[in-house]
Amino acid sequence: MNINEKYYIADHGIREAILESNQRDINQIFENIIYLELLRKGYNIRVGKVDNLEVDFVCTKRNEKIYIQVAYLLASPETIEREFSSLEKINDNYPKYVISMDEFDMSRNGIKHINIIDFLIKS
C-alpha cells in the first residue's frame, strides 16, 4: 500500500467565514470531521492507496491498525462500490470501516458500515 498526503483544517468556523458556507464541499467537510475525531482518539493517520484506489484513512495506535473510508451518503451503487472496493483490496485482517450519514447498515465482505453519530459517540 502506498501512502499519499492530504490536508485538513482544524477549525470549520474559519473555513466557513472565508468560504461563506460552501455546501458543495460537504464530502470534504465530512471527511475532515472524521479526521479530527481520529486525532482526538489518539491515532496516527495516513492516506493510503491500493492499486489506483484511495483509502481515506490508514490509522495506527500502538499495536492497533484500522482502515476507514468516508462518504457523506452511500446514495448510489457507484458510490457504494467506490467506498467499499478499496478496502476489499487490502489483504490483511485489520478492521475496515465505511463511515457515512446513512442509518441503514450496508456492511459487506467483512467491512463494517458505521453511521457517523455512532462513530462520534463511541469512545
PDB file of N, CA and C in Angstrom:
ATOM      1  N   MET A   1       0.838  -1.178   0.000  1.00  0.00           N
ATOM      2  CA  MET A   1       0.000   0.000   0.000  1.00  0.00           C
ATOM      3  C   MET A   1       0.882   1.239   0.000  1.00  0.00           C
ATOM      4  N   ASN A   2       0.577   2.172  -0.873  1.00  0.00           N
ATOM      5  CA  ASN A   2       1.277   3.441  -0.928  1.00  0.00           C
ATOM      6  C   ASN A   2       0.610   4.431   0.015  1.00  0.00           C
ATOM      7  N   ILE A   3       1.359   5.459   0.412  1.00  0.00           N
ATOM      8  CA  ILE A   3       0.840   6.492   1.303  1.00  0.00           C
ATOM      9  C   ILE A   3       0.806   7.812   0.542  1.00  0.00           C
ATOM     10  N   ASN A   4      -0.320   8.515   0.619  1.00  0.00           N
ATOM     11  CA  ASN A   4      -0.487   9.816  -0.001  1.00  0.00           C
ATOM     12  C   ASN A   4      -0.668  10.878   1.077  1.00  0.00           C
ATOM     13  N   GLU A   5      -0.663  12.162   0.672  1.00  0.00           N
ATOM     14  CA  GLU A   5      -0.832  13.269   1.600  1.00  0.00           C
ATOM     15  C   GLU A   5      -2.145  13.990   1.321  1.00  0.00           C
ATOM     16  N   LYS A   6      -2.795  14.466   2.382  1.00  0.00           N
ATOM     17  CA  LYS A   6      -3.960  15.339   2.316  1.00  0.00           C
ATOM     18  C   LYS A   6      -3.810  16.359   3.425  1.00  0.00           C
ATOM     19  N   TYR A   7      -4.555  17.457   3.313  1.00  0.00           N
ATOM     20  CA  TYR A   7      -4.510  18.491   4.332  1.00  0.00           C
ATOM     21  C   TYR A   7      -5.912  18.719   4.867  1.00  0.00           C
ATOM     22  N   TYR A   8      -6.002  18.944   6.192  1.00  0.00           N
ATOM     23  CA  TYR A   8      -7.280  19.144   6.861  1.00  0.00           C
ATOM     24  C   TYR A   8      -7.221  20.408   7.692  1.00  0.00           C
ATOM     25  N   ILE A   9      -8.377  21.016   7.893  1.00  0.00           N
ATOM     26  CA  ILE A   9      -8.469  22.256   8.664  1.00  0.00           C
ATOM     27  C   ILE A   9      -8.901  21.930  10.096  1.00  0.00           C
ATOM     28  N   ALA A  10      -8.349  22.656  11.065  1.00  0.00           N
ATOM     29  CA  ALA A  10      -8.656  22.379  12.467  1.00  0.00           C
ATOM     30  C   ALA A  10      -9.903  23.116  12.965  1.00  0.00           C
ATOM     31  N   ASP A  11     -10.317  24.171  12.279  1.00  0.00           N
ATOM     32  CA  ASP A  11     -11.460  24.959  12.735  1.00  0.00           C
ATOM     33  C   ASP A  11     -12.391  25.238  11.555  1.00  0.00           C
ATOM     34  N   HIS A  12     -13.548  24.575  11.562  1.00  0.00           N
ATOM     35  CA  HIS A  12     -14.504  24.763  10.462  1.00  0.00           C
ATOM     36  C   HIS A  12     -15.123  26.153  10.462  1.00  0.00           C
ATOM     37  N   GLY A  13     -15.147  26.815  11.592  1.00  0.00           N
ATOM     38  CA  GLY A  13     -15.678  28.180  11.657  1.00  0.00           C
ATOM     39  C   GLY A  13     -14.867  29.128  10.786  1.00  0.00           C
ATOM     40  N   ILE A  14     -13.552  28.993  10.832  1.00  0.00           N
ATOM     41  CA  ILE A  14     -12.685  29.824   9.984  1.00  0.00           C
ATOM     42  C   ILE A  14     -12.935  29.501   8.516  1.00  0.00           C
ATOM     43  N   ARG A  15     -13.030  28.231   8.209  1.00  0.00           N
ATOM     44  CA  ARG A  15     -13.304  27.818   6.822  1.00  0.00           C
ATOM     45  C   ARG A  15     -14.599  28.424   6.320  1.00  0.00           C
ATOM     46  N   GLU A  16     -15.644  28.344   7.134  1.00  0.00           N
ATOM     47  CA  GLU A  16     -16.954  28.863   6.737  1.00  0.00           C
ATOM     48  C   GLU A  16     -16.926  30.375   6.566  1.00  0.00           C
ATOM     49  N   ALA A  17     -16.180  31.067   7.420  1.00  0.00           N
ATOM     50  CA  ALA A  17     -16.079  32.518   7.310  1.00  0.00           C
ATOM     51  C   ALA A  17     -15.380  32.931   6.017  1.00  0.00           C
ATOM     52  N   ILE A  18     -14.355  32.190   5.654  1.00  0.00           N
ATOM     53  CA  ILE A  18     -13.607  32.515   4.440  1.00  0.00           C
ATOM     54  C   ILE A  18     -14.388  32.121   3.190  1.00  0.00           C
ATOM     55  N   LEU A  19     -14.973  30.937   3.187  1.00  0.00           N
ATOM     56  CA  LEU A  19     -15.656  30.425   2.000  1.00  0.00           C
ATOM     57  C   LEU A  19     -17.156  30.715   1.988  1.00  0.00           C
ATOM     58  N   GLU A  20     -17.652  31.344   3.029  1.00  0.00           N
ATOM     59  CA  GLU A  20     -19.079  31.699   3.117  1.00  0.00           C
ATOM     60  C   GLU A  20     -19.986  30.484   2.974  1.00  0.00           C
ATOM     61  N   SER A  21     -19.748  29.461   3.774  1.00  0.00           N
ATOM     62  CA  SER A  21     -20.600  28.271   3.859  1.00  0.00           C
ATOM     63  C   SER A  21     -20.856  27.609   2.516  1.00  0.00           C
ATOM     64  N   ASN A  22     -19.819  27.094   1.915  1.00  0.00           N
ATOM     65  CA  ASN A  22     -19.910  26.460   0.604  1.00  0.00           C
ATOM     66  C   ASN A  22     -20.337  25.005   0.763  1.00  0.00           C
ATOM     67  N   GLN A  23     -21.633  24.721   0.685  1.00  0.00           N
ATOM     68  CA  GLN A  23     -22.175  23.382   0.891  1.00  0.00           C
ATOM     69  C   GLN A  23     -21.745  22.390  -0.181  1.00  0.00           C
ATOM     70  N   ARG A  24     -21.212  22.830  -1.294  1.00  0.00           N
ATOM     71  CA  ARG A  24     -20.779  21.895  -2.333  1.00  0.00           C
ATOM     72  C   ARG A  24     -19.647  20.993  -1.847  1.00  0.00           C
ATOM     73  N   ASP A  25     -19.007  21.387  -0.782  1.00  0.00           N
ATOM     74  CA  ASP A  25     -17.871  20.624  -0.251  1.00  0.00           C
ATOM     75  C   ASP A  25     -18.267  19.742   0.930  1.00  0.00           C
ATOM     76  N   ILE A  26     -19.522  19.346   1.017  1.00  0.00           N
ATOM     77  CA  ILE A  26     -19.990  18.596   2.183  1.00  0.00           C
ATOM     78  C   ILE A  26     -19.196  17.309   2.397  1.00  0.00           C
ATOM     79  N   ASN A  27     -18.777  16.639   1.326  1.00  0.00           N
ATOM     80  CA  ASN A  27     -17.973  15.423   1.490  1.00  0.00           C
ATOM     81  C   ASN A  27     -16.619  15.722   2.117  1.00  0.00           C
ATOM     82  N   GLN A  28     -15.993  16.837   1.734  1.00  0.00           N
ATOM     83  CA  GLN A  28     -14.711  17.210   2.328  1.00  0.00           C
ATOM     84  C   GLN A  28     -14.875  17.605   3.791  1.00  0.00           C
ATOM     85  N   ILE A  29     -15.958  18.322   4.098  1.00  0.00           N
ATOM     86  CA  ILE A  29     -16.229  18.699   5.489  1.00  0.00           C
ATOM     87  C   ILE A  29     -16.437  17.441   6.334  1.00  0.00           C
ATOM     88  N   PHE A  30     -17.204  16.525   5.800  1.00  0.00           N
ATOM     89  CA  PHE A  30     -17.493  15.275   6.491  1.00  0.00           C
ATOM     90  C   PHE A  30     -16.204  14.495   6.767  1.00  0.00           C
ATOM     91  N   GLU A  31     -15.348  14.391   5.764  1.00  0.00           N
ATOM     92  CA  GLU A  31     -14.065  13.697   5.926  1.00  0.00           C
ATOM     93  C   GLU A  31     -13.209  14.405   6.969  1.00  0.00           C
ATOM     94  N   ASN A  32     -13.223  15.724   6.973  1.00  0.00           N
ATOM     95  CA  ASN A  32     -12.449  16.498   7.940  1.00  0.00           C
ATOM     96  C   ASN A  32     -12.929  16.230   9.370  1.00  0.00           C
ATOM     97  N   ILE A  33     -14.241  16.117   9.564  1.00  0.00           N
ATOM     98  CA  ILE A  33     -14.797  15.816  10.894  1.00  0.00           C
ATOM     99  C   ILE A  33     -14.275  14.466  11.392  1.00  0.00           C
ATOM    100  N   ILE A  34     -14.274  13.473  10.523  1.00  0.00           N
ATOM    101  CA  ILE A  34     -13.771  12.137  10.902  1.00  0.00           C
ATOM    102  C   ILE A  34     -12.287  12.209  11.224  1.00  0.00           C
ATOM    103  N   TYR A  35     -11.532  12.948  10.417  1.00  0.00           N
ATOM    104  CA  TYR A  35     -10.095  13.111  10.647  1.00  0.00           C
ATOM    105  C   TYR A  35      -9.833  13.688  12.044  1.00  0.00           C
ATOM    106  N   LEU A  36     -10.547  14.774  12.393  1.00  0.00           N
ATOM    107  CA  LEU A  36     -10.345  15.400  13.699  1.00  0.00           C
ATOM    108  C   LEU A  36     -10.707  14.457  14.844  1.00  0.00           C
ATOM    109  N   GLU A  37     -11.748  13.662  14.660  1.00  0.00           N
ATOM    110  CA  GLU A  37     -12.139  12.703  15.703  1.00  0.00           C
ATOM    111  C   GLU A  37     -11.083  11.604  15.859  1.00  0.00           C
ATOM    112  N   LEU A  38     -10.535  11.143  14.759  1.00  0.00           N
ATOM    113  CA  LEU A  38      -9.470  10.133  14.832  1.00  0.00           C
ATOM    114  C   LEU A  38      -8.250  10.679  15.569  1.00  0.00           C
ATOM    115  N   LEU A  39      -7.896  11.937  15.296  1.00  0.00           N
ATOM    116  CA  LEU A  39      -6.796  12.571  16.030  1.00  0.00           C
ATOM    117  C   LEU A  39      -7.109  12.638  17.520  1.00  0.00           C
ATOM    118  N   ARG A  40      -8.342  13.030  17.856  1.00  0.00           N
ATOM    119  CA  ARG A  40      -8.756  13.116  19.253  1.00  0.00           C
ATOM    120  C   ARG A  40      -8.643  11.770  19.949  1.00  0.00           C
ATOM    121  N   LYS A  41      -8.891  10.693  19.202  1.00  0.00           N
ATOM    122  CA  LYS A  41      -8.814   9.346  19.766  1.00  0.00           C
ATOM    123  C   LYS A  41      -7.380   8.815  19.809  1.00  0.00           C
ATOM    124  N   GLY A  42      -6.416   9.616  19.367  1.00  0.00           N
ATOM    125  CA  GLY A  42      -5.011   9.253  19.506  1.00  0.00           C
ATOM    126  C   GLY A  42      -4.387   8.488  18.360  1.00  0.00           C
ATOM    127  N   TYR A  43      -5.024   8.462  17.214  1.00  0.00           N
ATOM    128  CA  TYR A  43      -4.484   7.731  16.069  1.00  0.00           C
ATOM    129  C   TYR A  43      -3.457   8.550  15.300  1.00  0.00           C
ATOM    130  N   ASN A  44      -2.465   7.876  14.750  1.00  0.00           N
ATOM    131  CA  ASN A  44      -1.611   8.427  13.712  1.00  0.00           C
ATOM    132  C   ASN A  44      -2.319   8.116  12.401  1.00  0.00           C
ATOM    133  N   ILE A  45      -2.451   9.103  11.537  1.00  0.00           N
ATOM    134  CA  ILE A  45      -3.301   8.956  10.359  1.00  0.00           C
ATOM    135  C   ILE A  45      -2.517   9.219   9.086  1.00  0.00           C
ATOM    136  N   ARG A  46      -2.711   8.347   8.118  1.00  0.00           N
ATOM    137  CA  ARG A  46      -2.143   8.484   6.773  1.00  0.00           C
ATOM    138  C   ARG A  46      -3.245   8.235   5.763  1.00  0.00           C
ATOM    139  N   VAL A  47      -3.026   8.708   4.569  1.00  0.00           N
ATOM    140  CA  VAL A  47      -3.909   8.393   3.442  1.00  0.00           C
ATOM    141  C   VAL A  47      -3.229   7.291   2.661  1.00  0.00           C
ATOM    142  N   GLY A  48      -3.960   6.235   2.321  1.00  0.00           N
ATOM    143  CA  GLY A  48      -3.361   5.111   1.616  1.00  0.00           C
ATOM    144  C   GLY A  48      -3.832   5.007   0.176  1.00  0.00           C
ATOM    145  N   LYS A  49      -3.178   4.143  -0.555  1.00  0.00           N
ATOM    146  CA  LYS A  49      -3.564   3.886  -1.937  1.00  0.00           C
ATOM    147  C   LYS A  49      -3.325   2.412  -2.236  1.00  0.00           C
ATOM    148  N   VAL A  50      -4.339   1.758  -2.782  1.00  0.00           N
ATOM    149  CA  VAL A  50      -4.251   0.363  -3.186  1.00  0.00           C
ATOM    150  C   VAL A  50      -4.565   0.332  -4.668  1.00  0.00           C
ATOM    151  N   ASP A  51      -3.622  -0.163  -5.473  1.00  0.00           N
ATOM    152  CA  ASP A  51      -3.745  -0.072  -6.923  1.00  0.00           C
ATOM    153  C   ASP A  51      -3.991   1.397  -7.267  1.00  0.00           C
ATOM    154  N   ASN A  52      -5.079   1.709  -7.933  1.00  0.00           N
ATOM    155  CA  ASN A  52      -5.363   3.108  -8.265  1.00  0.00           C
ATOM    156  C   ASN A  52      -6.468   3.686  -7.369  1.00  0.00           C
ATOM    157  N   LEU A  53      -6.770   3.012  -6.251  1.00  0.00           N
ATOM    158  CA  LEU A  53      -7.848   3.423  -5.360  1.00  0.00           C
ATOM    159  C   LEU A  53      -7.299   4.015  -4.060  1.00  0.00           C
ATOM    160  N   GLU A  54      -7.933   5.077  -3.600  1.00  0.00           N
ATOM    161  CA  GLU A  54      -7.520   5.727  -2.363  1.00  0.00           C
ATOM    162  C   GLU A  54      -8.216   5.100  -1.159  1.00  0.00           C
ATOM    163  N   VAL A  55      -7.475   5.008  -0.066  1.00  0.00           N
ATOM    164  CA  VAL A  55      -8.027   4.657   1.234  1.00  0.00           C
ATOM    165  C   VAL A  55      -7.952   5.943   2.049  1.00  0.00           C
ATOM    166  N   ASP A  56      -9.109   6.471   2.462  1.00  0.00           N
ATOM    167  CA  ASP A  56      -9.143   7.777   3.114  1.00  0.00           C
ATOM    168  C   ASP A  56      -8.227   7.841   4.325  1.00  0.00           C
ATOM    169  N   PHE A  57      -8.316   6.858   5.219  1.00  0.00           N
ATOM    170  CA  PHE A  57      -7.514   6.890   6.441  1.00  0.00           C
ATOM    171  C   PHE A  57      -6.944   5.522   6.760  1.00  0.00           C
ATOM    172  N   VAL A  58      -5.626   5.477   6.942  1.00  0.00           N
ATOM    173  CA  VAL A  58      -4.935   4.312   7.487  1.00  0.00           C
ATOM    174  C   VAL A  58      -4.474   4.771   8.865  1.00  0.00           C
ATOM    175  N   CYS A  59      -5.082   4.213   9.904  1.00  0.00           N
ATOM    176  CA  CYS A  59      -4.911   4.711  11.265  1.00  0.00           C
ATOM    177  C   CYS A  59      -4.157   3.691  12.118  1.00  0.00           C
ATOM    178  N   THR A  60      -3.168   4.175  12.857  1.00  0.00           N
ATOM    179  CA  THR A  60      -2.411   3.305  13.754  1.00  0.00           C
ATOM    180  C   THR A  60      -2.323   3.943  15.136  1.00  0.00           C
ATOM    181  N   LYS A  61      -2.340   3.058  16.128  1.00  0.00           N
ATOM    182  CA  LYS A  61      -2.176   3.477  17.521  1.00  0.00           C
ATOM    183  C   LYS A  61      -1.621   2.267  18.261  1.00  0.00           C
ATOM    184  N   ARG A  62      -0.396   2.377  18.756  1.00  0.00           N
ATOM    185  CA  ARG A  62       0.295   1.256  19.379  1.00  0.00           C
ATOM    186  C   ARG A  62       0.279   0.053  18.447  1.00  0.00           C
ATOM    187  N   ASN A  63      -0.318  -1.071  18.860  1.00  0.00           N
ATOM    188  CA  ASN A  63      -0.368  -2.272  18.010  1.00  0.00           C
ATOM    189  C   ASN A  63      -1.650  -2.367  17.197  1.00  0.00           C
ATOM    190  N   GLU A  64      -2.449  -1.332  17.214  1.00  0.00           N
ATOM    191  CA  GLU A  64      -3.748  -1.319  16.538  1.00  0.00           C
ATOM    192  C   GLU A  64      -3.625  -0.639  15.174  1.00  0.00           C
ATOM    193  N   LYS A  65      -4.367  -1.174  14.209  1.00  0.00           N
ATOM    194  CA  LYS A  65      -4.416  -0.574  12.874  1.00  0.00           C
ATOM    195  C   LYS A  65      -5.846  -0.719  12.357  1.00  0.00           C
ATOM    196  N   ILE A  66      -6.387   0.359  11.788  1.00  0.00           N
ATOM    197  CA  ILE A  66      -7.702   0.305  11.166  1.00  0.00           C
ATOM    198  C   ILE A  66      -7.666   1.083   9.854  1.00  0.00           C
ATOM    199  N   TYR A  67      -8.568   0.716   8.961  1.00  0.00           N
ATOM    200  CA  TYR A  67      -8.725   1.406   7.684  1.00  0.00           C
ATOM    201  C   TYR A  67     -10.127   2.003   7.644  1.00  0.00           C
ATOM    202  N   ILE A  68     -10.219   3.245   7.141  1.00  0.00           N
ATOM    203  CA  ILE A  68     -11.519   3.905   7.106  1.00  0.00           C
ATOM    204  C   ILE A  68     -11.728   4.605   5.769  1.00  0.00           C
ATOM    205  N   GLN A  69     -12.921   4.404   5.212  1.00  0.00           N
ATOM    206  CA  GLN A  69     -13.411   5.151   4.062  1.00  0.00           C
ATOM    207  C   GLN A  69     -14.545   6.035   4.555  1.00  0.00           C
ATOM    208  N   VAL A  70     -14.657   7.239   4.013  1.00  0.00           N
ATOM    209  CA  VAL A  70     -15.660   8.198   4.444  1.00  0.00           C
ATOM    210  C   VAL A  70     -16.468   8.664   3.246  1.00  0.00           C
ATOM    211  N   ALA A  71     -17.795   8.645   3.391  1.00  0.00           N
ATOM    212  CA  ALA A  71     -18.695   9.184   2.369  1.00  0.00           C
ATOM    213  C   ALA A  71     -19.866   9.833   3.084  1.00  0.00           C
ATOM    214  N   TYR A  72     -20.265  11.006   2.656  1.00  0.00           N
ATOM    215  CA  TYR A  72     -21.402  11.668   3.301  1.00  0.00           C
ATOM    216  C   TYR A  72     -22.632  10.769   3.225  1.00  0.00           C
ATOM    217  N   LEU A  73     -22.958  10.303   2.032  1.00  0.00           N
ATOM    218  CA  LEU A  73     -24.059   9.364   1.828  1.00  0.00           C
ATOM    219  C   LEU A  73     -23.639   8.292   0.831  1.00  0.00           C
ATOM    220  N   LEU A  74     -24.091   7.086   1.051  1.00  0.00           N
ATOM    221  CA  LEU A  74     -23.899   5.994   0.094  1.00  0.00           C
ATOM    222  C   LEU A  74     -25.173   5.932  -0.749  1.00  0.00           C
ATOM    223  N   ALA A  75     -25.344   6.953  -1.580  1.00  0.00           N
ATOM    224  CA  ALA A  75     -26.629   7.183  -2.244  1.00  0.00           C
ATOM    225  C   ALA A  75     -26.788   6.471  -3.584  1.00  0.00           C
ATOM    226  N   SER A  76     -25.730   5.904  -4.119  1.00  0.00           N
ATOM    227  CA  SER A  76     -25.837   5.232  -5.414  1.00  0.00           C
ATOM    228  C   SER A  76     -24.983   3.971  -5.405  1.00  0.00           C
ATOM    229  N   PRO A  77     -25.302   3.034  -6.279  1.00  0.00           N
ATOM    230  CA  PRO A  77     -24.459   1.828  -6.377  1.00  0.00           C
ATOM    231  C   PRO A  77     -23.002   2.169  -6.698  1.00  0.00           C
ATOM    232  N   GLU A  78     -22.774   3.221  -7.472  1.00  0.00           N
ATOM    233  CA  GLU A  78     -21.404   3.622  -7.816  1.00  0.00           C
ATOM    234  C   GLU A  78     -20.648   4.107  -6.581  1.00  0.00           C
ATOM    235  N   THR A  79     -21.315   4.871  -5.738  1.00  0.00           N
ATOM    236  CA  THR A  79     -20.677   5.359  -4.511  1.00  0.00           C
ATOM    237  C   THR A  79     -20.374   4.202  -3.567  1.00  0.00           C
ATOM    238  N   ILE A  80     -21.314   3.307  -3.417  1.00  0.00           N
ATOM    239  CA  ILE A  80     -21.104   2.136  -2.558  1.00  0.00           C
ATOM    240  C   ILE A  80     -19.910   1.332  -3.053  1.00  0.00           C
ATOM    241  N   GLU A  81     -19.852   1.087  -4.344  1.00  0.00           N
ATOM    242  CA  GLU A  81     -18.741   0.323  -4.926  1.00  0.00           C
ATOM    243  C   GLU A  81     -17.417   1.038  -4.711  1.00  0.00           C
ATOM    244  N   ARG A  82     -17.373   2.346  -4.947  1.00  0.00           N
ATOM    245  CA  ARG A  82     -16.139   3.117  -4.778  1.00  0.00           C
ATOM    246  C   ARG A  82     -15.641   3.050  -3.341  1.00  0.00           C
ATOM    247  N   GLU A  83     -16.540   3.217  -2.378  1.00  0.00           N
ATOM    248  CA  GLU A  83     -16.127   3.268  -0.978  1.00  0.00           C
ATOM    249  C   GLU A  83     -15.693   1.901  -0.443  1.00  0.00           C
ATOM    250  N   PHE A  84     -16.342   0.845  -0.862  1.00  0.00           N
ATOM    251  CA  PHE A  84     -16.004  -0.491  -0.356  1.00  0.00           C
ATOM    252  C   PHE A  84     -14.857  -1.155  -1.122  1.00  0.00           C
ATOM    253  N   SER A  85     -14.713  -0.861  -2.422  1.00  0.00           N
ATOM    254  CA  SER A  85     -13.770  -1.627  -3.244  1.00  0.00           C
ATOM    255  C   SER A  85     -12.315  -1.436  -2.830  1.00  0.00           C
ATOM    256  N   SER A  86     -11.931  -0.215  -2.410  1.00  0.00           N
ATOM    257  CA  SER A  86     -10.534  -0.035  -1.993  1.00  0.00           C
ATOM    258  C   SER A  86     -10.230  -0.860  -0.742  1.00  0.00           C
ATOM    259  N   LEU A  87     -11.180  -0.931   0.182  1.00  0.00           N
ATOM    260  CA  LEU A  87     -10.972  -1.723   1.401  1.00  0.00           C
ATOM    261  C   LEU A  87     -10.964  -3.220   1.103  1.00  0.00           C
ATOM    262  N   GLU A  88     -11.767  -3.648   0.145  1.00  0.00           N
ATOM    263  CA  GLU A  88     -11.814  -5.063  -0.221  1.00  0.00           C
ATOM    264  C   GLU A  88     -10.501  -5.539  -0.835  1.00  0.00           C
ATOM    265  N   LYS A  89      -9.714  -4.626  -1.392  1.00  0.00           N
ATOM    266  CA  LYS A  89      -8.433  -4.990  -1.994  1.00  0.00           C
ATOM    267  C   LYS A  89      -7.296  -5.133  -0.980  1.00  0.00           C
ATOM    268  N   ILE A  90      -7.522  -4.735   0.255  1.00  0.00           N
ATOM    269  CA  ILE A  90      -6.488  -4.832   1.293  1.00  0.00           C
ATOM    270  C   ILE A  90      -6.499  -6.250   1.849  1.00  0.00           C
ATOM    271  N   ASN A  91      -5.372  -6.928   1.729  1.00  0.00           N
ATOM    272  CA  ASN A  91      -5.284  -8.337   2.115  1.00  0.00           C
ATOM    273  C   ASN A  91      -4.647  -8.533   3.484  1.00  0.00           C
ATOM    274  N   ASP A  92      -5.271  -7.956   4.498  1.00  0.00           N
ATOM    275  CA  ASP A  92      -4.861  -8.265   5.865  1.00  0.00           C
ATOM    276  C   ASP A  92      -6.123  -8.366   6.723  1.00  0.00           C
ATOM    277  N   ASN A  93      -5.953  -8.654   7.980  1.00  0.00           N
ATOM    278  CA  ASN A  93      -7.106  -8.893   8.846  1.00  0.00           C
ATOM    279  C   ASN A  93      -7.412  -7.739   9.796  1.00  0.00           C
ATOM    280  N   TYR A  94      -6.836  -6.569   9.542  1.00  0.00           N
ATOM    281  CA  TYR A  94      -7.152  -5.417  10.384  1.00  0.00           C
ATOM    282  C   TYR A  94      -8.563  -4.928  10.075  1.00  0.00           C
ATOM    283  N   PRO A  95      -9.238  -4.318  11.056  1.00  0.00           N
ATOM    284  CA  PRO A  95     -10.613  -3.846  10.842  1.00  0.00           C
ATOM    285  C   PRO A  95     -10.700  -2.790   9.741  1.00  0.00           C
ATOM    286  N   LYS A  96     -11.790  -2.873   8.990  1.00  0.00           N
ATOM    287  CA  LYS A  96     -12.045  -1.944   7.893  1.00  0.00           C
ATOM    288  C   LYS A  96     -13.454  -1.391   8.056  1.00  0.00           C
ATOM    289  N   TYR A  97     -13.584  -0.056   7.897  1.00  0.00           N
ATOM    290  CA  TYR A  97     -14.858   0.610   8.137  1.00  0.00           C
ATOM    291  C   TYR A  97     -15.194   1.588   7.015  1.00  0.00           C
ATOM    292  N   VAL A  98     -16.481   1.711   6.731  1.00  0.00           N
ATOM    293  CA  VAL A  98     -17.007   2.788   5.901  1.00  0.00           C
ATOM    294  C   VAL A  98     -17.925   3.590   6.811  1.00  0.00           C
ATOM    295  N   ILE A  99     -17.673   4.905   6.903  1.00  0.00           N
ATOM    296  CA  ILE A  99     -18.462   5.781   7.760  1.00  0.00           C
ATOM    297  C   ILE A  99     -19.275   6.727   6.885  1.00  0.00           C
ATOM    298  N   SER A 100     -20.574   6.827   7.172  1.00  0.00           N
ATOM    299  CA  SER A 100     -21.447   7.723   6.414  1.00  0.00           C
ATOM    300  C   SER A 100     -22.610   8.184   7.285  1.00  0.00           C
ATOM    301  N   MET A 101     -23.452   9.046   6.734  1.00  0.00           N
ATOM    302  CA  MET A 101     -24.667   9.503   7.418  1.00  0.00           C
ATOM    303  C   MET A 101     -25.789   8.477   7.328  1.00  0.00           C
ATOM    304  N   ASP A 102     -25.646   7.501   6.461  1.00  0.00           N
ATOM    305  CA  ASP A 102     -26.693   6.508   6.260  1.00  0.00           C
ATOM    306  C   ASP A 102     -26.959   5.742   7.558  1.00  0.00           C
ATOM    307  N   GLU A 103     -28.231   5.512   7.846  1.00  0.00           N
ATOM    308  CA  GLU A 103     -28.599   4.762   9.048  1.00  0.00           C
ATOM    309  C   GLU A 103     -28.786   3.276   8.777  1.00  0.00           C
ATOM    310  N   PHE A 104     -29.001   2.905   7.532  1.00  0.00           N
ATOM    311  CA  PHE A 104     -29.165   1.510   7.150  1.00  0.00           C
ATOM    312  C   PHE A 104     -27.794   0.854   7.064  1.00  0.00           C
ATOM    313  N   ASP A 105     -27.603  -0.276   7.712  1.00  0.00           N
ATOM    314  CA  ASP A 105     -26.318  -0.980   7.734  1.00  0.00           C
ATOM    315  C   ASP A 105     -26.025  -1.619   6.381  1.00  0.00           C
ATOM    316  N   MET A 106     -24.958  -1.173   5.736  1.00  0.00           N
ATOM    317  CA  MET A 106     -24.562  -1.701   4.435  1.00  0.00           C
ATOM    318  C   MET A 106     -23.269  -2.515   4.516  1.00  0.00           C
ATOM    319  N   SER A 107     -22.938  -3.026   5.681  1.00  0.00           N
ATOM    320  CA  SER A 107     -21.726  -3.822   5.850  1.00  0.00           C
ATOM    321  C   SER A 107     -21.695  -4.959   4.841  1.00  0.00           C
ATOM    322  N   ARG A 108     -20.487  -5.274   4.362  1.00  0.00           N
ATOM    323  CA  ARG A 108     -20.332  -6.393   3.428  1.00  0.00           C
ATOM    324  C   ARG A 108     -18.886  -6.869   3.423  1.00  0.00           C
ATOM    325  N   ASN A 109     -18.717  -8.139   3.114  1.00  0.00           N
ATOM    326  CA  ASN A 109     -17.382  -8.743   2.952  1.00  0.00           C
ATOM    327  C   ASN A 109     -16.428  -8.426   4.102  1.00  0.00           C
ATOM    328  N   GLY A 110     -16.941  -8.420   5.318  1.00  0.00           N
ATOM    329  CA  GLY A 110     -16.097  -8.168   6.483  1.00  0.00           C
ATOM    330  C   GLY A 110     -15.810  -6.702   6.742  1.00  0.00           C
ATOM    331  N   ILE A 111     -16.338  -5.815   5.915  1.00  0.00           N
ATOM    332  CA  ILE A 111     -16.155  -4.372   6.091  1.00  0.00           C
ATOM    333  C   ILE A 111     -17.394  -3.833   6.787  1.00  0.00           C
ATOM    334  N   LYS A 112     -17.183  -3.183   7.921  1.00  0.00           N
ATOM    335  CA  LYS A 112     -18.311  -2.710   8.728  1.00  0.00           C
ATOM    336  C   LYS A 112     -18.699  -1.293   8.316  1.00  0.00           C
ATOM    337  N   HIS A 113     -19.976  -1.100   8.081  1.00  0.00           N
ATOM    338  CA  HIS A 113     -20.519   0.226   7.803  1.00  0.00           C
ATOM    339  C   HIS A 113     -20.998   0.824   9.119  1.00  0.00           C
ATOM    340  N   ILE A 114     -20.597   2.076   9.398  1.00  0.00           N
ATOM    341  CA  ILE A 114     -20.946   2.745  10.653  1.00  0.00           C
ATOM    342  C   ILE A 114     -21.552   4.111  10.344  1.00  0.00           C
ATOM    343  N   ASN A 115     -22.635   4.432  11.044  1.00  0.00           N
ATOM    344  CA  ASN A 115     -23.205   5.770  10.969  1.00  0.00           C
ATOM    345  C   ASN A 115     -22.298   6.730  11.727  1.00  0.00           C
ATOM    346  N   ILE A 116     -22.137   7.935  11.225  1.00  0.00           N
ATOM    347  CA  ILE A 116     -21.212   8.897  11.842  1.00  0.00           C
ATOM    348  C   ILE A 116     -21.565   9.193  13.299  1.00  0.00           C
ATOM    349  N   ILE A 117     -22.843   9.246  13.618  1.00  0.00           N
ATOM    350  CA  ILE A 117     -23.232   9.529  15.007  1.00  0.00           C
ATOM    351  C   ILE A 117     -22.710   8.430  15.926  1.00  0.00           C
ATOM    352  N   ASP A 118     -22.869   7.187  15.505  1.00  0.00           N
ATOM    353  CA  ASP A 118     -22.360   6.062  16.297  1.00  0.00           C
ATOM    354  C   ASP A 118     -20.845   6.141  16.433  1.00  0.00           C
ATOM    355  N   PHE A 119     -20.160   6.522  15.368  1.00  0.00           N
ATOM    356  CA  PHE A 119     -18.702   6.650  15.404  1.00  0.00           C
ATOM    357  C   PHE A 119     -18.279   7.752  16.372  1.00  0.00           C
ATOM    358  N   LEU A 120     -18.961   8.872  16.329  1.00  0.00           N
ATOM    359  CA  LEU A 120     -18.563  10.016  17.159  1.00  0.00           C
ATOM    360  C   LEU A 120     -18.843   9.798  18.644  1.00  0.00           C
ATOM    361  N   ILE A 121     -19.899   9.064  18.984  1.00  0.00           N
ATOM    362  CA  ILE A 121     -20.205   8.880  20.409  1.00  0.00           C
ATOM    363  C   ILE A 121     -19.504   7.675  21.015  1.00  0.00           C
ATOM    364  N   LYS A 122     -18.972   6.790  20.156  1.00  0.00           N
ATOM    365  CA  LYS A 122     -18.232   5.630  20.653  1.00  0.00           C
ATOM    366  C   LYS A 122     -16.872   6.103  21.167  1.00  0.00           C
ATOM    367  N   SER A 123     -16.541   5.753  22.405  1.00  0.00           N
ATOM    368  CA  SER A 123     -15.274   6.236  22.984  1.00  0.00           C
ATOM    369  C   SER A 123     -14.094   5.422  22.576  1.00  0.00           C
TER     370      SER A 123
END
